[in-house]
Amino acid sequence: MARLALIVKAQKKPKYSTRIVRRCWKCGRKHGYMRKFDMCRICVRELASNGEIPGLKKSSW
């Protein structure tokens, strides 16, 4: 979990557009972010394993 102060800071409009920080809406993580799902890779994997993301299935062999 990210600190609340960092999450709030990332929500503010940056001075320059290149400084935007995209964070996972579920846990607040900024690394491993997937724009398509608006989540980090860890949360995508959890939801895919539970079958909560339509059209996405976690592979296992």
N, C-alpha and C. Protein backbone atom coordinates (compact mmCIF):
# COMPACT_ATOMS: atom_id res chain seq x y z
N MET A 1 0.84 -1.19 0.00
CA MET A 1 0.00 0.00 0.00
C MET A 1 0.88 1.25 0.00
N ALA A 2 0.49 2.18 -0.83
CA ALA A 2 1.21 3.44 -0.89
C ALA A 2 0.72 4.35 0.24
N ARG A 3 1.59 5.28 0.64
CA ARG A 3 1.20 6.22 1.67
C ARG A 3 0.10 7.12 1.15
N LEU A 4 -0.81 7.49 2.02
CA LEU A 4 -1.94 8.33 1.64
C LEU A 4 -1.48 9.67 1.10
N ALA A 5 -0.42 10.23 1.66
CA ALA A 5 0.09 11.53 1.21
C ALA A 5 0.57 11.46 -0.24
N LEU A 6 1.20 10.35 -0.63
CA LEU A 6 1.67 10.20 -2.00
C LEU A 6 0.52 10.01 -2.98
N ILE A 7 -0.53 9.33 -2.54
CA ILE A 7 -1.70 9.13 -3.40
C ILE A 7 -2.39 10.47 -3.64
N VAL A 8 -2.54 11.27 -2.60
CA VAL A 8 -3.18 12.59 -2.73
C VAL A 8 -2.33 13.50 -3.61
N LYS A 9 -1.02 13.44 -3.44
CA LYS A 9 -0.12 14.27 -4.24
C LYS A 9 -0.20 13.91 -5.72
N ALA A 10 -0.35 12.63 -6.02
CA ALA A 10 -0.44 12.18 -7.41
C ALA A 10 -1.75 12.59 -8.06
N GLN A 11 -2.79 12.83 -7.27
CA GLN A 11 -4.09 13.21 -7.82
C GLN A 11 -4.14 14.67 -8.24
N LYS A 12 -3.22 15.49 -7.69
CA LYS A 12 -3.21 16.91 -8.06
C LYS A 12 -2.68 17.08 -9.48
N LYS A 13 -3.12 18.17 -10.14
CA LYS A 13 -2.66 18.45 -11.49
C LYS A 13 -1.20 18.90 -11.43
N PRO A 14 -0.31 18.23 -12.20
CA PRO A 14 1.10 18.61 -12.15
C PRO A 14 1.37 19.90 -12.91
N LYS A 15 2.52 20.50 -12.62
CA LYS A 15 2.93 21.73 -13.28
C LYS A 15 3.15 21.48 -14.78
N TYR A 16 3.74 20.34 -15.09
CA TYR A 16 3.98 19.94 -16.47
C TYR A 16 3.31 18.60 -16.72
N SER A 17 2.80 18.40 -17.93
CA SER A 17 2.05 17.18 -18.22
C SER A 17 2.90 15.91 -18.16
N THR A 18 4.20 16.04 -18.32
CA THR A 18 5.06 14.86 -18.28
C THR A 18 5.29 14.35 -16.86
N ARG A 19 4.90 15.13 -15.87
CA ARG A 19 5.10 14.73 -14.47
C ARG A 19 3.93 13.94 -13.90
N ILE A 20 2.96 13.60 -14.72
CA ILE A 20 1.79 12.88 -14.22
C ILE A 20 2.22 11.50 -13.69
N VAL A 21 1.68 11.13 -12.54
CA VAL A 21 2.00 9.83 -11.93
C VAL A 21 0.72 9.00 -11.95
N ARG A 22 0.78 7.90 -12.66
CA ARG A 22 -0.39 7.02 -12.72
C ARG A 22 -0.25 5.98 -11.63
N ARG A 23 -1.30 5.82 -10.85
CA ARG A 23 -1.29 4.88 -9.74
C ARG A 23 -2.47 3.93 -9.84
N CYS A 24 -2.28 2.77 -9.28
CA CYS A 24 -3.34 1.76 -9.22
C CYS A 24 -4.48 2.30 -8.36
N TRP A 25 -5.71 2.16 -8.84
CA TRP A 25 -6.85 2.67 -8.09
C TRP A 25 -7.15 1.81 -6.88
N LYS A 26 -6.66 0.58 -6.89
CA LYS A 26 -6.97 -0.34 -5.81
C LYS A 26 -5.99 -0.24 -4.65
N CYS A 27 -4.69 -0.22 -4.96
CA CYS A 27 -3.68 -0.23 -3.88
C CYS A 27 -2.79 0.99 -3.86
N GLY A 28 -2.75 1.77 -4.94
CA GLY A 28 -1.95 2.98 -4.98
C GLY A 28 -0.54 2.79 -5.49
N ARG A 29 -0.20 1.60 -5.95
CA ARG A 29 1.14 1.30 -6.44
C ARG A 29 1.40 2.04 -7.76
N LYS A 30 2.63 2.56 -7.95
CA LYS A 30 2.93 3.28 -9.18
C LYS A 30 3.78 2.49 -10.17
N HIS A 31 4.51 1.51 -9.70
CA HIS A 31 5.31 0.69 -10.61
C HIS A 31 4.51 -0.51 -11.07
N GLY A 32 4.76 -0.98 -12.28
CA GLY A 32 4.04 -2.12 -12.82
C GLY A 32 2.61 -1.77 -13.16
N TYR A 33 2.37 -0.51 -13.54
CA TYR A 33 1.02 -0.01 -13.82
C TYR A 33 0.62 -0.38 -15.24
N MET A 34 -0.60 -0.87 -15.41
CA MET A 34 -1.13 -1.20 -16.73
C MET A 34 -2.26 -0.24 -17.05
N ARG A 35 -2.05 0.59 -18.09
CA ARG A 35 -3.04 1.60 -18.44
C ARG A 35 -4.37 0.99 -18.87
N LYS A 36 -4.31 -0.13 -19.55
CA LYS A 36 -5.53 -0.76 -20.06
C LYS A 36 -6.51 -1.08 -18.93
N PHE A 37 -5.99 -1.50 -17.79
CA PHE A 37 -6.83 -1.88 -16.66
C PHE A 37 -6.87 -0.83 -15.55
N ASP A 38 -6.00 0.18 -15.62
CA ASP A 38 -5.91 1.23 -14.61
C ASP A 38 -5.53 0.63 -13.25
N MET A 39 -4.71 -0.45 -13.30
CA MET A 39 -4.29 -1.14 -12.09
C MET A 39 -2.84 -1.58 -12.23
N CYS A 40 -2.24 -1.95 -11.10
CA CYS A 40 -0.89 -2.52 -11.15
C CYS A 40 -0.99 -4.00 -11.52
N ARG A 41 0.16 -4.56 -11.85
CA ARG A 41 0.19 -5.95 -12.31
C ARG A 41 -0.27 -6.93 -11.24
N ILE A 42 -0.02 -6.60 -9.99
CA ILE A 42 -0.38 -7.50 -8.90
C ILE A 42 -1.90 -7.58 -8.74
N CYS A 43 -2.55 -6.42 -8.78
CA CYS A 43 -4.00 -6.39 -8.65
C CYS A 43 -4.68 -7.03 -9.87
N VAL A 44 -4.10 -6.83 -11.06
CA VAL A 44 -4.65 -7.46 -12.27
C VAL A 44 -4.58 -8.97 -12.12
N ARG A 45 -3.47 -9.46 -11.62
CA ARG A 45 -3.31 -10.91 -11.46
C ARG A 45 -4.30 -11.48 -10.45
N GLU A 46 -4.50 -10.76 -9.34
CA GLU A 46 -5.46 -11.23 -8.33
C GLU A 46 -6.88 -11.30 -8.89
N LEU A 47 -7.30 -10.22 -9.57
CA LEU A 47 -8.65 -10.18 -10.10
C LEU A 47 -8.84 -11.17 -11.24
N ALA A 48 -7.79 -11.38 -12.04
CA ALA A 48 -7.88 -12.35 -13.13
C ALA A 48 -7.99 -13.77 -12.58
N SER A 49 -7.29 -14.04 -11.50
CA SER A 49 -7.37 -15.38 -10.90
C SER A 49 -8.76 -15.66 -10.35
N ASN A 50 -9.40 -14.61 -9.83
CA ASN A 50 -10.75 -14.76 -9.28
C ASN A 50 -11.82 -14.69 -10.35
N GLY A 51 -11.43 -14.36 -11.59
CA GLY A 51 -12.39 -14.27 -12.69
C GLY A 51 -13.24 -13.02 -12.63
N GLU A 52 -12.73 -11.94 -12.03
CA GLU A 52 -13.51 -10.72 -11.87
C GLU A 52 -13.30 -9.72 -13.02
N ILE A 53 -12.35 -10.00 -13.91
CA ILE A 53 -12.14 -9.14 -15.08
C ILE A 53 -12.70 -9.88 -16.28
N PRO A 54 -13.76 -9.33 -16.91
CA PRO A 54 -14.36 -10.03 -18.04
C PRO A 54 -13.41 -10.13 -19.23
N GLY A 55 -13.34 -11.31 -19.82
CA GLY A 55 -12.51 -11.52 -21.00
C GLY A 55 -11.05 -11.78 -20.70
N LEU A 56 -10.68 -11.87 -19.44
CA LEU A 56 -9.27 -12.11 -19.08
C LEU A 56 -9.20 -13.35 -18.20
N LYS A 57 -8.32 -14.28 -18.58
CA LYS A 57 -8.16 -15.49 -17.81
C LYS A 57 -6.70 -15.70 -17.51
N LYS A 58 -6.36 -15.95 -16.26
CA LYS A 58 -4.97 -16.21 -15.89
C LYS A 58 -4.61 -17.62 -16.33
N SER A 59 -3.51 -17.69 -17.04
CA SER A 59 -3.09 -19.01 -17.53
C SER A 59 -2.36 -19.77 -16.43
N SER A 60 -2.52 -21.08 -16.45
CA SER A 60 -1.78 -21.94 -15.54
C SER A 60 -1.59 -23.28 -16.23
N TRP A 61 -0.40 -23.85 -16.08
CA TRP A 61 -0.12 -25.13 -16.71
C TRP A 61 0.77 -25.97 -15.85
